[in-house]
Structures are given as C-alpha cells and as structure tokens.
C-alpha atoms as a PDB file:
ATOM      1  CA  MET A   1     316.199  10.348 -51.317  1.00  0.00           C
ATOM      2  CA  ASN A   2     315.079  11.330 -47.899  1.00  0.00           C
ATOM      3  CA  GLN A   3     311.385  12.034 -47.775  1.00  0.00           C
ATOM      4  CA  ARG A   4     310.323  14.720 -45.391  1.00  0.00           C
ATOM      5  CA  THR A   5     307.485  13.865 -43.114  1.00  0.00           C
ATOM      6  CA  ARG A   6     304.936  16.620 -42.951  1.00  0.00           C
ATOM      7  CA  PRO A   7     303.706  17.671 -39.532  1.00  0.00           C
ATOM      8  CA  PRO A   8     300.057  16.918 -38.813  1.00  0.00           C
ATOM      9  CA  ARG A   9     297.613  19.656 -39.717  1.00  0.00           C
ATOM     10  CA  ARG A  10     296.101  21.687 -37.014  1.00  0.00           C
ATOM     11  CA  PRO A  11     292.309  21.819 -37.037  1.00  0.00           C
ATOM     12  CA  THR A  12     290.940  25.004 -38.445  1.00  0.00           C
ATOM     13  CA  ARG A  13     289.065  27.448 -36.272  1.00  0.00           C
ATOM     14  CA  ALA A  14     285.774  26.676 -37.949  1.00  0.00           C
ATOM     15  CA  ALA A  15     286.198  22.986 -37.289  1.00  0.00           C
ATOM     16  CA  ALA A  16     287.221  23.675 -33.692  1.00  0.00           C
ATOM     17  CA  VAL A  17     284.056  25.621 -32.866  1.00  0.00           C
ATOM     18  CA  GLN A  18     281.660  23.232 -34.656  1.00  0.00           C
ATOM     19  CA  PRO A  19     279.284  21.865 -31.999  1.00  0.00           C
ATOM     20  CA  ALA A  20     278.722  18.208 -31.539  1.00  0.00           C
ATOM     21  CA  SER A  21     275.526  16.729 -32.943  1.00  0.00           C
ATOM     22  CA  ARG A  22     272.614  16.449 -30.515  1.00  0.00           C
ATOM     23  CA  GLY A  23     269.698  14.026 -30.165  1.00  0.00           C
ATOM     24  CA  ALA A  24     266.004  14.544 -30.949  1.00  0.00           C
ATOM     25  CA  ARG A  25     264.317  17.587 -29.495  1.00  0.00           C
ATOM     26  CA  THR A  26     260.848  17.748 -27.876  1.00  0.00           C
ATOM     27  CA  GLN A  27     258.673  20.482 -29.275  1.00  0.00           C
ATOM     28  CA  GLN A  28     256.150  22.201 -27.023  1.00  0.00           C
ATOM     29  CA  VAL A  29     252.696  22.934 -28.503  1.00  0.00           C
ATOM     30  CA  SER A  30     251.032  26.086 -27.232  1.00  0.00           C
ATOM     31  CA  TRP A  31     247.540  26.065 -25.727  1.00  0.00           C
ATOM     32  CA  GLU A  32     246.322  28.320 -28.506  1.00  0.00           C
ATOM     33  CA  ASN A  33     247.350  25.789 -31.162  1.00  0.00           C
ATOM     34  CA  ARG A  34     245.737  22.990 -29.188  1.00  0.00           C
ATOM     35  CA  TYR A  35     242.512  24.962 -28.918  1.00  0.00           C
ATOM     36  CA  HIS A  36     242.437  25.695 -32.657  1.00  0.00           C
ATOM     37  CA  ALA A  37     243.104  22.044 -33.442  1.00  0.00           C
ATOM     38  CA  TRP A  38     240.375  20.952 -31.002  1.00  0.00           C
ATOM     39  CA  ARG A  39     237.863  23.359 -32.499  1.00  0.00           C
ATOM     40  CA  ARG A  40     238.802  22.374 -36.048  1.00  0.00           C
ATOM     41  CA  HIS A  41     238.366  18.702 -35.217  1.00  0.00           C
ATOM     42  CA  HIS A  42     234.950  19.342 -33.655  1.00  0.00           C
ATOM     43  CA  ARG A  43     233.811  21.226 -36.744  1.00  0.00           C
ATOM     44  CA  GLN A  44     235.090  18.489 -39.037  1.00  0.00           C
ATOM     45  CA  VAL A  45     233.563  15.655 -36.995  1.00  0.00           C
ATOM     46  CA  SER A  46     230.214  17.456 -36.759  1.00  0.00           C
ATOM     47  CA  SER A  47     230.053  17.875 -40.530  1.00  0.00           C
ATOM     48  CA  GLU A  48     231.085  14.276 -41.191  1.00  0.00           C
ATOM     49  CA  SER A  49     228.498  12.930 -38.749  1.00  0.00           C
ATOM     50  CA  PHE A  50     225.775  14.937 -40.444  1.00  0.00           C
ATOM     51  CA  GLN A  51     226.848  13.660 -43.846  1.00  0.00           C
ATOM     52  CA  ARG A  52     226.772  10.054 -42.599  1.00  0.00           C
ATOM     53  CA  ILE A  53     223.177  10.559 -41.451  1.00  0.00           C
ATOM     54  CA  ARG A  54     222.233  12.053 -44.806  1.00  0.00           C
ATOM     55  CA  LYS A  55     223.532   8.979 -46.620  1.00  0.00           C
ATOM     56  CA  HIS A  56     220.709   6.922 -45.033  1.00  0.00           C
ATOM     57  CA  PRO A  57     217.692   9.274 -45.128  1.00  0.00           C
ATOM     58  CA  ILE A  58     214.931   6.710 -44.560  1.00  0.00           C
ATOM     59  CA  ALA A  59     216.595   4.972 -41.607  1.00  0.00           C
ATOM     60  CA  SER A  60     217.586   8.323 -40.074  1.00  0.00           C
ATOM     61  CA  ALA A  61     214.073   9.729 -40.530  1.00  0.00           C
ATOM     62  CA  LEU A  62     212.521   6.681 -38.831  1.00  0.00           C
ATOM     63  CA  THR A  63     214.906   7.014 -35.887  1.00  0.00           C
ATOM     64  CA  MET A  64     214.105  10.718 -35.507  1.00  0.00           C
ATOM     65  CA  LEU A  65     210.384   9.994 -35.796  1.00  0.00           C
ATOM     66  CA  ALA A  66     210.615   7.416 -33.002  1.00  0.00           C
ATOM     67  CA  ILE A  67     212.359  10.011 -30.829  1.00  0.00           C
ATOM     68  CA  ALA A  68     209.672  12.586 -31.705  1.00  0.00           C
ATOM     69  CA  VAL A  69     206.834  10.237 -30.726  1.00  0.00           C
ATOM     70  CA  SER A  70     208.585   9.538 -27.434  1.00  0.00           C
ATOM     71  CA  PHE A  71     208.576  13.261 -26.705  1.00  0.00           C
ATOM     72  CA  VAL A  72     205.085  14.101 -27.977  1.00  0.00           C
ATOM     73  CA  LEU A  73     203.145  12.022 -25.440  1.00  0.00           C
ATOM     74  CA  PRO A  74     204.722  13.512 -22.271  1.00  0.00           C
ATOM     75  CA  ALA A  75     204.635  16.979 -23.860  1.00  0.00           C
ATOM     76  CA  MET A  76     200.899  16.710 -24.545  1.00  0.00           C
ATOM     77  CA  LEU A  77     200.230  15.636 -20.970  1.00  0.00           C
ATOM     78  CA  TRP A  78     202.415  18.492 -19.744  1.00  0.00           C
ATOM     79  CA  LEU A  79     200.342  20.958 -21.802  1.00  0.00           C
ATOM     80  CA  ALA A  80     197.184  19.415 -20.366  1.00  0.00           C
ATOM     81  CA  MET A  81     198.502  19.996 -16.854  1.00  0.00           C
ATOM     82  CA  SER A  82     199.254  23.582 -17.823  1.00  0.00           C
ATOM     83  CA  SER A  83     195.589  23.882 -18.756  1.00  0.00           C
ATOM     84  CA  VAL A  84     194.592  22.533 -15.348  1.00  0.00           C
ATOM     85  CA  ASN A  85     196.830  25.080 -13.644  1.00  0.00           C
ATOM     86  CA  ALA A  86     195.270  27.836 -15.727  1.00  0.00           C
ATOM     87  CA  LEU A  87     191.822  26.497 -14.872  1.00  0.00           C
ATOM     88  CA  ASP A  88     192.749  26.563 -11.192  1.00  0.00           C
ATOM     89  CA  GLY A  89     192.865  30.339 -11.325  1.00  0.00           C
ATOM     90  CA  ARG A  90     189.372  30.494 -12.846  1.00  0.00           C
ATOM     91  CA  LEU A  91     187.624  28.216 -10.384  1.00  0.00           C
ATOM     92  CA  ASP A  92     187.077  30.852  -7.733  1.00  0.00           C
ATOM     93  CA  ASP A  93     183.493  29.740  -7.156  1.00  0.00           C
ATOM     94  CA  GLY A  94     184.655  26.387  -5.867  1.00  0.00           C
ATOM     95  CA  SER A  95     186.457  27.964  -2.932  1.00  0.00           C
ATOM     96  CA  GLN A  96     183.781  30.570  -2.098  1.00  0.00           C
ATOM     97  CA  MET A  97     181.789  30.339   1.086  1.00  0.00           C
ATOM     98  CA  THR A  98     178.335  31.700   1.839  1.00  0.00           C
ATOM     99  CA  LEU A  99     177.592  33.359   5.184  1.00  0.00           C
ATOM    100  CA  TYR A 100     173.881  33.394   5.981  1.00  0.00           C
ATOM    101  CA  ILE A 101     172.817  36.220   8.258  1.00  0.00           C
ATOM    102  CA  LYS A 102     170.126  35.664  10.879  1.00  0.00           C
ATOM    103  CA  PRO A 103     166.632  36.169   9.423  1.00  0.00           C
ATOM    104  CA  GLY A 104     165.048  39.548  10.059  1.00  0.00           C
ATOM    105  CA  THR A 105     168.367  41.362  10.382  1.00  0.00           C
ATOM    106  CA  ASP A 106     168.309  44.963   9.199  1.00  0.00           C
ATOM    107  CA  ASN A 107     170.320  45.884   6.100  1.00  0.00           C
ATOM    108  CA  SER A 108     172.504  48.303   8.092  1.00  0.00           C
ATOM    109  CA  VAL A 109     173.490  45.464  10.423  1.00  0.00           C
ATOM    110  CA  VAL A 110     174.251  43.301   7.390  1.00  0.00           C
ATOM    111  CA  GLU A 111     176.585  46.000   6.042  1.00  0.00           C
ATOM    112  CA  ARG A 112     178.398  46.248   9.377  1.00  0.00           C
ATOM    113  CA  THR A 113     178.827  42.472   9.441  1.00  0.00           C
ATOM    114  CA  ALA A 114     180.180  42.589   5.876  1.00  0.00           C
ATOM    115  CA  GLU A 115     182.691  45.240   6.938  1.00  0.00           C
ATOM    116  CA  GLN A 116     183.868  43.013   9.795  1.00  0.00           C
ATOM    117  CA  VAL A 117     184.304  40.148   7.369  1.00  0.00           C
ATOM    118  CA  ARG A 118     186.355  42.338   4.999  1.00  0.00           C
ATOM    119  CA  GLN A 119     188.710  43.245   7.849  1.00  0.00           C
ATOM    120  CA  THR A 120     189.279  39.579   8.726  1.00  0.00           C
ATOM    121  CA  SER A 121     192.670  38.232   7.628  1.00  0.00           C
ATOM    122  CA  GLY A 122     192.504  35.745   4.785  1.00  0.00           C
ATOM    123  CA  VAL A 123     189.475  37.304   3.082  1.00  0.00           C
ATOM    124  CA  ALA A 124     189.974  38.528  -0.493  1.00  0.00           C
ATOM    125  CA  LYS A 125     186.492  39.708  -1.484  1.00  0.00           C
ATOM    126  CA  VAL A 126     183.032  40.064   0.061  1.00  0.00           C
ATOM    127  CA  SER A 127     179.746  40.480  -1.840  1.00  0.00           C
ATOM    128  CA  VAL A 128     176.480  41.354  -0.084  1.00  0.00           C
ATOM    129  CA  ILE A 129     173.147  39.851  -1.156  1.00  0.00           C
ATOM    130  CA  THR A 130     170.218  41.331   0.741  1.00  0.00           C
ATOM    131  CA  ALA A 131     167.053  39.402   1.490  1.00  0.00           C
ATOM    132  CA  ASP A 132     165.096  41.255  -1.213  1.00  0.00           C
ATOM    133  CA  GLU A 133     167.815  40.604  -3.817  1.00  0.00           C
ATOM    134  CA  GLY A 134     167.840  36.950  -2.841  1.00  0.00           C
ATOM    135  CA  LEU A 135     164.085  36.721  -3.288  1.00  0.00           C
ATOM    136  CA  LYS A 136     164.215  38.319  -6.750  1.00  0.00           C
ATOM    137  CA  GLU A 137     166.996  35.954  -7.825  1.00  0.00           C
ATOM    138  CA  PHE A 138     165.002  33.016  -6.496  1.00  0.00           C
ATOM    139  CA  GLN A 139     161.937  34.057  -8.505  1.00  0.00           C
ATOM    140  CA  GLN A 140     163.984  34.472 -11.681  1.00  0.00           C
ATOM    141  CA  THR A 141     165.598  31.099 -11.222  1.00  0.00           C
ATOM    142  CA  LEU A 142     162.261  29.272 -10.792  1.00  0.00           C
ATOM    143  CA  GLY A 143     160.343  31.451 -13.263  1.00  0.00           C
ATOM    144  CA  LEU A 144     157.862  32.591 -10.619  1.00  0.00           C
ATOM    145  CA  SER A 145     156.159  35.957 -10.305  1.00  0.00           C
ATOM    146  CA  LEU A 146     155.159  36.583  -6.698  1.00  0.00           C
ATOM    147  CA  SER A 147     153.805  39.951  -5.655  1.00  0.00           C
ATOM    148  CA  SER A 148     154.604  41.482  -2.295  1.00  0.00           C
ATOM    149  CA  GLY A 149     150.994  40.801  -1.142  1.00  0.00           C
ATOM    150  CA  GLN A 150     151.290  37.095  -1.677  1.00  0.00           C
ATOM    151  CA  LEU A 151     154.108  36.809   0.883  1.00  0.00           C
ATOM    152  CA  ARG A 152     153.700  38.231   4.344  1.00  0.00           C
ATOM    153  CA  ASP A 153     157.392  37.961   5.220  1.00  0.00           C
ATOM    154  CA  ASN A 154     160.481  37.308   3.148  1.00  0.00           C
ATOM    155  CA  PRO A 155     161.641  33.810   4.169  1.00  0.00           C
ATOM    156  CA  LEU A 156     165.102  34.238   2.657  1.00  0.00           C
ATOM    157  CA  PRO A 157     167.913  35.637   4.819  1.00  0.00           C
ATOM    158  CA  ALA A 158     170.626  38.031   3.689  1.00  0.00           C
ATOM    159  CA  ALA A 159     173.879  36.415   2.640  1.00  0.00           C
ATOM    160  CA  LEU A 160     177.547  37.314   2.269  1.00  0.00           C
ATOM    161  CA  ILE A 161     179.581  35.689  -0.512  1.00  0.00           C
ATOM    162  CA  VAL A 162     183.193  35.463   0.727  1.00  0.00           C
ATOM    163  CA  SER A 163     186.190  34.683  -1.497  1.00  0.00           C
ATOM    164  CA  PRO A 164     189.194  33.524   0.581  1.00  0.00           C
ATOM    165  CA  GLN A 165     192.754  34.398  -0.325  1.00  0.00           C
ATOM    166  CA  GLN A 166     194.056  30.887   0.370  1.00  0.00           C
ATOM    167  CA  ARG A 167     193.157  27.880  -1.764  1.00  0.00           C
ATOM    168  CA  ASP A 168     194.279  25.184   0.654  1.00  0.00           C
ATOM    169  CA  THR A 169     191.457  23.128   2.145  1.00  0.00           C
ATOM    170  CA  ALA A 170     192.674  23.391   5.728  1.00  0.00           C
ATOM    171  CA  ASP A 171     193.131  27.176   5.500  1.00  0.00           C
ATOM    172  CA  VAL A 172     189.654  27.651   4.012  1.00  0.00           C
ATOM    173  CA  GLN A 173     188.125  25.507   6.761  1.00  0.00           C
ATOM    174  CA  ALA A 174     189.926  27.524   9.449  1.00  0.00           C
ATOM    175  CA  LEU A 175     188.658  30.780   7.928  1.00  0.00           C
ATOM    176  CA  ALA A 176     185.103  29.412   7.859  1.00  0.00           C
ATOM    177  CA  ASP A 177     185.287  28.542  11.568  1.00  0.00           C
ATOM    178  CA  LYS A 178     186.555  32.057  12.330  1.00  0.00           C
ATOM    179  CA  LEU A 179     183.769  33.764  10.351  1.00  0.00           C
ATOM    180  CA  LYS A 180     181.083  31.571  11.884  1.00  0.00           C
ATOM    181  CA  ALA A 181     181.935  33.023  15.300  1.00  0.00           C
ATOM    182  CA  LEU A 182     181.123  36.591  14.189  1.00  0.00           C
ATOM    183  CA  PRO A 183     177.951  38.124  15.668  1.00  0.00           C
ATOM    184  CA  GLY A 184     174.985  38.071  13.335  1.00  0.00           C
ATOM    185  CA  VAL A 185     176.206  35.070  11.312  1.00  0.00           C
ATOM    186  CA  ASP A 186     173.717  32.225  11.446  1.00  0.00           C
ATOM    187  CA  GLU A 187     175.350  29.613   9.219  1.00  0.00           C
ATOM    188  CA  VAL A 188     178.416  29.148   6.988  1.00  0.00           C
ATOM    189  CA  ARG A 189     178.233  26.906   3.970  1.00  0.00           C
ATOM    190  CA  MET A 190     180.989  26.103   1.528  1.00  0.00           C
ATOM    191  CA  ASP A 191     181.749  23.489  -1.081  1.00  0.00           C
ATOM    192  CA  LEU A 192     185.309  22.185  -0.818  1.00  0.00           C
ATOM    193  CA  ALA A 193     184.711  19.413  -3.343  1.00  0.00           C
ATOM    194  CA  TRP A 194     186.097  21.551  -6.199  1.00  0.00           C
ATOM    195  CA  LEU A 195     189.290  22.229  -4.284  1.00  0.00           C
ATOM    196  CA  GLN A 196     189.747  18.609  -3.311  1.00  0.00           C
ATOM    197  CA  ARG A 197     189.040  17.325  -6.820  1.00  0.00           C
ATOM    198  CA  LEU A 198     191.295  19.883  -8.464  1.00  0.00           C
ATOM    199  CA  LYS A 199     194.092  19.174  -6.000  1.00  0.00           C
ATOM    200  CA  ALA A 200     193.790  15.430  -6.660  1.00  0.00           C
ATOM    201  CA  ILE A 201     193.793  15.973 -10.445  1.00  0.00           C
ATOM    202  CA  LYS A 202     196.874  18.163 -10.244  1.00  0.00           C
ATOM    203  CA  GLY A 203     198.733  15.680  -8.055  1.00  0.00           C
ATOM    204  CA  LEU A 204     197.867  12.764 -10.336  1.00  0.00           C
ATOM    205  CA  GLY A 205     198.763  14.731 -13.458  1.00  0.00           C
ATOM    206  CA  ASN A 206     202.128  15.834 -12.112  1.00  0.00           C
ATOM    207  CA  ARG A 207     203.038  12.258 -11.241  1.00  0.00           C
ATOM    208  CA  LEU A 208     201.944  11.044 -14.672  1.00  0.00           C
ATOM    209  CA  VAL A 209     204.024  13.719 -16.386  1.00  0.00           C
ATOM    210  CA  LEU A 210     207.062  12.773 -14.327  1.00  0.00           C
ATOM    211  CA  ALA A 211     206.597   9.028 -14.850  1.00  0.00           C
ATOM    212  CA  LEU A 212     206.009   9.315 -18.599  1.00  0.00           C
ATOM    213  CA  GLY A 213     208.867  11.769 -18.981  1.00  0.00           C
ATOM    214  CA  VAL A 214     211.312   9.382 -17.301  1.00  0.00           C
ATOM    215  CA  LEU A 215     209.945   6.349 -19.154  1.00  0.00           C
ATOM    216  CA  PHE A 216     210.004   7.886 -22.614  1.00  0.00           C
ATOM    217  CA  GLY A 217     213.320   9.604 -21.921  1.00  0.00           C
ATOM    218  CA  PHE A 218     214.765   6.177 -21.191  1.00  0.00           C
ATOM    219  CA  GLY A 219     213.208   5.019 -24.456  1.00  0.00           C
ATOM    220  CA  VAL A 220     214.994   7.811 -26.345  1.00  0.00           C
ATOM    221  CA  ILE A 221     218.302   6.719 -24.801  1.00  0.00           C
ATOM    222  CA  LEU A 222     217.664   3.138 -25.947  1.00  0.00           C
ATOM    223  CA  ILE A 223     216.718   4.239 -29.476  1.00  0.00           C
ATOM    224  CA  VAL A 224     219.785   6.420 -29.952  1.00  0.00           C
ATOM    225  CA  GLY A 225     222.041   3.938 -28.169  1.00  0.00           C
ATOM    226  CA  ASN A 226     220.976   1.060 -30.397  1.00  0.00           C
ATOM    227  CA  THR A 227     221.453   3.163 -33.555  1.00  0.00           C
ATOM    228  CA  VAL A 228     224.900   4.345 -32.454  1.00  0.00           C
ATOM    229  CA  ARG A 229     225.835   0.801 -31.442  1.00  0.00           C
ATOM    230  CA  LEU A 230     225.240  -0.388 -35.003  1.00  0.00           C
ATOM    231  CA  SER A 231     227.358   2.490 -36.280  1.00  0.00           C
ATOM    232  CA  VAL A 232     230.162   1.548 -33.873  1.00  0.00           C
ATOM    233  CA  GLU A 233     230.091  -2.074 -35.023  1.00  0.00           C
ATOM    234  CA  SER A 234     230.242  -1.029 -38.687  1.00  0.00           C
ATOM    235  CA  ARG A 235     233.363   1.066 -37.986  1.00  0.00           C
ATOM    236  CA  ARG A 236     235.043  -1.448 -35.717  1.00  0.00           C
ATOM    237  CA  HIS A 237     238.199  -1.930 -37.831  1.00  0.00           C
ATOM    238  CA  GLU A 238     238.596   1.818 -38.276  1.00  0.00           C
ATOM    239  CA  ILE A 239     238.436   2.307 -34.517  1.00  0.00           C
ATOM    240  CA  GLU A 240     241.044  -0.432 -33.953  1.00  0.00           C
ATOM    241  CA  VAL A 241     243.442   1.178 -36.431  1.00  0.00           C
ATOM    242  CA  ILE A 242     243.220   4.710 -35.068  1.00  0.00           C
ATOM    243  CA  THR A 243     243.519   3.333 -31.530  1.00  0.00           C
ATOM    244  CA  LEU A 244     246.794   1.612 -32.489  1.00  0.00           C
ATOM    245  CA  LEU A 245     247.982   4.978 -33.817  1.00  0.00           C
ATOM    246  CA  GLY A 246     247.415   6.540 -30.402  1.00  0.00           C
ATOM    247  CA  ALA A 247     243.840   7.863 -30.537  1.00  0.00           C
ATOM    248  CA  THR A 248     242.280   8.441 -27.129  1.00  0.00           C
ATOM    249  CA  GLN A 249     238.826   7.343 -26.025  1.00  0.00           C
ATOM    250  CA  GLY A 250     237.545  10.907 -26.299  1.00  0.00           C
ATOM    251  CA  PHE A 251     238.811  11.155 -29.870  1.00  0.00           C
ATOM    252  CA  VAL A 252     237.058   7.909 -30.808  1.00  0.00           C
ATOM    253  CA  ARG A 253     233.836   8.801 -28.978  1.00  0.00           C
ATOM    254  CA  ARG A 254     233.457  12.303 -30.458  1.00  0.00           C
ATOM    255  CA  PRO A 255     231.983  11.382 -33.904  1.00  0.00           C
ATOM    256  CA  PHE A 256     229.350   9.155 -32.318  1.00  0.00           C
ATOM    257  CA  LEU A 257     228.400  11.835 -29.796  1.00  0.00           C
ATOM    258  CA  TYR A 258     227.727  14.216 -32.649  1.00  0.00           C
ATOM    259  CA  THR A 259     225.674  11.514 -34.342  1.00  0.00           C
ATOM    260  CA  GLY A 260     223.529  11.181 -31.236  1.00  0.00           C
ATOM    261  CA  ALA A 261     223.186  14.957 -31.007  1.00  0.00           C
ATOM    262  CA  TRP A 262     222.018  15.166 -34.633  1.00  0.00           C
ATOM    263  CA  TYR A 263     219.453  12.431 -34.034  1.00  0.00           C
ATOM    264  CA  GLY A 264     218.224  14.226 -30.928  1.00  0.00           C
ATOM    265  CA  ALA A 265     217.984  17.569 -32.727  1.00  0.00           C
ATOM    266  CA  GLY A 266     216.003  16.035 -35.585  1.00  0.00           C
ATOM    267  CA  GLY A 267     213.693  14.263 -33.150  1.00  0.00           C
ATOM    268  CA  GLY A 268     213.091  17.508 -31.247  1.00  0.00           C
ATOM    269  CA  VAL A 269     212.168  19.390 -34.425  1.00  0.00           C
ATOM    270  CA  LEU A 270     209.762  16.618 -35.465  1.00  0.00           C
ATOM    271  CA  ALA A 271     208.231  16.570 -31.965  1.00  0.00           C
ATOM    272  CA  LEU A 272     207.515  20.310 -32.133  1.00  0.00           C
ATOM    273  CA  LEU A 273     206.022  19.859 -35.588  1.00  0.00           C
ATOM    274  CA  LEU A 274     203.750  17.042 -34.367  1.00  0.00           C
ATOM    275  CA  LEU A 275     202.659  19.121 -31.367  1.00  0.00           C
ATOM    276  CA  THR A 276     201.758  22.041 -33.626  1.00  0.00           C
ATOM    277  CA  LEU A 277     199.802  19.835 -36.040  1.00  0.00           C
ATOM    278  CA  GLY A 278     197.997  18.051 -33.200  1.00  0.00           C
ATOM    279  CA  ARG A 279     197.065  21.339 -31.534  1.00  0.00           C
ATOM    280  CA  GLY A 280     195.633  22.675 -34.787  1.00  0.00           C
ATOM    281  CA  TRP A 281     193.705  19.448 -35.398  1.00  0.00           C
ATOM    282  CA  LEU A 282     192.123  19.382 -31.904  1.00  0.00           C
ATOM    283  CA  SER A 283     191.513  23.111 -31.429  1.00  0.00           C
ATOM    284  CA  ALA A 284     188.234  23.292 -33.405  1.00  0.00           C
ATOM    285  CA  PRO A 285     186.316  20.451 -31.642  1.00  0.00           C
ATOM    286  CA  ILE A 286     187.574  21.525 -28.192  1.00  0.00           C
ATOM    287  CA  ARG A 287     186.510  25.117 -28.858  1.00  0.00           C
ATOM    288  CA  ALA A 288     183.074  23.922 -29.988  1.00  0.00           C
ATOM    289  CA  LEU A 289     182.719  21.786 -26.856  1.00  0.00           C
ATOM    290  CA  ALA A 290     183.662  24.714 -24.611  1.00  0.00           C
ATOM    291  CA  GLU A 291     181.206  27.030 -26.379  1.00  0.00           C
ATOM    292  CA  SER A 292     178.424  24.491 -25.844  1.00  0.00           C
ATOM    293  CA  TYR A 293     178.990  24.950 -22.093  1.00  0.00           C
ATOM    294  CA  GLY A 294     179.069  28.740 -22.450  1.00  0.00           C
ATOM    295  CA  SER A 295     182.819  29.003 -21.951  1.00  0.00           C
ATOM    296  CA  GLN A 296     185.879  29.954 -23.958  1.00  0.00           C
ATOM    297  CA  TYR A 297     188.842  27.594 -24.033  1.00  0.00           C
ATOM    298  CA  THR A 298     191.770  27.067 -26.365  1.00  0.00           C
ATOM    299  CA  LEU A 299     194.524  24.490 -26.193  1.00  0.00           C
ATOM    300  CA  PRO A 300     197.769  26.038 -24.914  1.00  0.00           C
ATOM    301  CA  GLY A 301     200.917  25.796 -27.003  1.00  0.00           C
ATOM    302  CA  PRO A 302     204.431  25.031 -25.792  1.00  0.00           C
ATOM    303  CA  GLY A 303     205.601  28.604 -26.389  1.00  0.00           C
ATOM    304  CA  PHE A 304     209.191  29.660 -26.890  1.00  0.00           C
ATOM    305  CA  SER A 305     210.454  28.498 -23.489  1.00  0.00           C
ATOM    306  CA  GLY A 306     208.665  25.142 -23.745  1.00  0.00           C
ATOM    307  CA  SER A 307     209.937  24.582 -27.297  1.00  0.00           C
ATOM    308  CA  LEU A 308     213.480  25.438 -26.240  1.00  0.00           C
ATOM    309  CA  LEU A 309     213.239  23.081 -23.259  1.00  0.00           C
ATOM    310  CA  LEU A 310     211.939  20.212 -25.409  1.00  0.00           C
ATOM    311  CA  PHE A 311     214.611  20.765 -28.062  1.00  0.00           C
ATOM    312  CA  THR A 312     217.402  20.935 -25.465  1.00  0.00           C
ATOM    313  CA  CYS A 313     216.224  17.785 -23.678  1.00  0.00           C
ATOM    314  CA  SER A 314     216.076  15.949 -27.000  1.00  0.00           C
ATOM    315  CA  ILE A 315     219.692  16.838 -27.824  1.00  0.00           C
ATOM    316  CA  LEU A 316     220.908  15.956 -24.322  1.00  0.00           C
ATOM    317  CA  LEU A 317     219.180  12.568 -24.369  1.00  0.00           C
ATOM    318  CA  GLY A 318     220.671  11.879 -27.803  1.00  0.00           C
ATOM    319  CA  LEU A 319     224.129  12.691 -26.468  1.00  0.00           C
ATOM    320  CA  LEU A 320     223.558  10.507 -23.416  1.00  0.00           C
ATOM    321  CA  GLY A 321     222.401   7.554 -25.527  1.00  0.00           C
ATOM    322  CA  ALA A 322     225.443   7.822 -27.795  1.00  0.00           C
ATOM    323  CA  TRP A 323     227.826   8.156 -24.838  1.00  0.00           C
ATOM    324  CA  VAL A 324     226.366   5.042 -23.167  1.00  0.00           C
ATOM    325  CA  ALA A 325     226.617   3.008 -26.391  1.00  0.00           C
ATOM    326  CA  VAL A 326     230.235   3.965 -27.134  1.00  0.00           C
ATOM    327  CA  SER A 327     231.381   3.534 -23.542  1.00  0.00           C
ATOM    328  CA  HIS A 328     229.774   0.092 -23.382  1.00  0.00           C
ATOM    329  CA  HIS A 329     231.541  -1.154 -26.537  1.00  0.00           C
ATOM    330  CA  TRP A 330     234.871   0.602 -26.009  1.00  0.00           C
ATOM    331  CA  ALA A 331     236.366  -2.161 -23.881  1.00  0.00           C
ATOM    332  CA  ARG A 332     235.510  -4.833 -26.458  1.00  0.00           C
ATOM    333  CA  ILE A 333     236.626  -2.929 -29.554  1.00  0.00           C
ATOM    334  CA  ARG A 334     239.948  -1.417 -28.552  1.00  0.00           C
ATOM    335  CA  PRO A 335     242.955  -3.653 -29.301  1.00  0.00           C
ATOM    336  CA  ARG A 336     244.864  -5.145 -26.382  1.00  0.00           C
END
C-alpha cells in the first residue's frame, strides 16, 4: 500500500506573531522611592543605635559624663566672661574725669564752662560740683563740723565730673587733652587704671575661653572617637559581610555617626544639668559676698540661646568624633 506523505503544517497565526524571548531588563528607581528608602533607613539606624547604647547603660553614662565635664569648664569660664562684660557697663566711674575749675571762679562762670563741656563731642554727661558743695562733702567724709567763721576762704575749687562716651583709653586721653584747653579749666584728673585693668581681664578671659574650648572640644572628639572605634572593632565581621554584598562607605558609616550623635546629645544634656546645679550651689555665697561690699550680683545662666549653642556643639563634636573613627578604620576593615 502506498502511504501518502502529509504536507508540512503551516505555523498558526498565534505562533507566527509570538515575539522572541528577551534578556534581563534594567528597572529604574524613582527619586521619590530612593528618598523614602533613605529616610526609612535613617530612622531605623537611629533607633538601632539608641538601643545599642541602652544595652550598656553604665559605660554609656560614663562616656556622656566625660563629655559633659569637658563642656562644663569652658562654659563656666564663658559665663564668667559674660559677667565681666556686664560689669563693664557698670564701671562708669573708672572712665570718669574730673575737671577742676580755677579757684575763686564765680558759679555763673562755672555753669558756662559746664555748658561748653556738654557741647564738646565725645562727652556723655556732665555733673557740676560747686566749691560750697565740695566743702560740705569733704566735711561729711572726714566727720568734721567747720563753721563759716572758722574758714576765711573756701580752699576747694569747683569741679566738673565728666563721663565720656568712648571707653577706649586713647580716646579718653584725647578728650581730656581737649577739655584741658578750655578757658577756666585749671586741671584735669582721671583714673584710667580701671579701663586698662578691665581691658586686660577681658582680653585674657577671651583667650582662655577660646583655648579651653578648642582643647576640650578636641578631648570630646577623642572620647567619642575611642568609643566608636571599639564599636567598629566589635562589628568588624558584620562590616566585611555587608561590604561584600555591595554596601557603600556611607551606608557602613551611618550607624556609627548616629551613635556619636547620641553620645553628644547625652553629654550636652548632662553639661546643662551640671551648669544649673553648679550655679545654684554657688549663687548663695556669691550673693552674700556681693552684699558685704554693698552691691547686688547674681551668677548669669546660659539662657536659651547659650543652652542651644552648647547642645548643638556637643552633637556636632560627637558626629565629628564618630566620623574620624570610622574613616580611620575603613581602609583596614573593608575586604580587598
């Protein structure tokens, strides 16, 4: 029997239009998704870093206390310098000058001379002390009681107490030379020792604040850096594994930066607490000492702006210490 050979089948239409298989596709991630992932990772890392610190409360508290002590000493000196600046505004007597009028000058002439002094540039205030007022003050000071018949003539001259606007020593000296040339002025006396002493104290204090701030700030960086370094060494194998999986340096550094920030924040809070306790402890004896001299003085506090500045600097130094520690050990830890 003859077997018929069937003709080959034609491909169906569905098979004809079936596209050929393609390779792997690259998927683009939007910036919004990247931002949400970045923010989610920051929130997660911040919480985990805080929990790691809580697992070792004593060691963490000692580290924060060391940071707080490093901040308290410069902060106390800074508050002391603030007191000196406030005291600078009260020491007006130190920059005053006394203009002695020629003896025997009539009171009307003294008033005209005082008016000329008031019109001179650089003069803030002028007070007139007549010869009779000067004699009465002299008697009260010495506890004497002299009648007008016991003295033929008043030996004391009239005087003008001048308060200059400028506090600089050279400007005050120039004003004194100008006033000495006025008619009727016999002598000008002033005591610039207060200005010179106060200026020297302020200059020394500002340099001490700057030097101690830099020194103790460097100490905070060393404290946080050493603590973070130990944490990096304890997680060395974890860092090597995630680096092999493609983690970047920023990804690896982020948990330790948050650790440094938490240490800095805790140290700043403890520093503010120590400042408050120290101010309360020293306020009573300092107030008693000031009252014994007939004055009123209270220790200034850091205030809101000073507290915010101290807290911010503490966090920034903690971040800097952690960043230095991780960057220093990154080259040794990452696999090659």
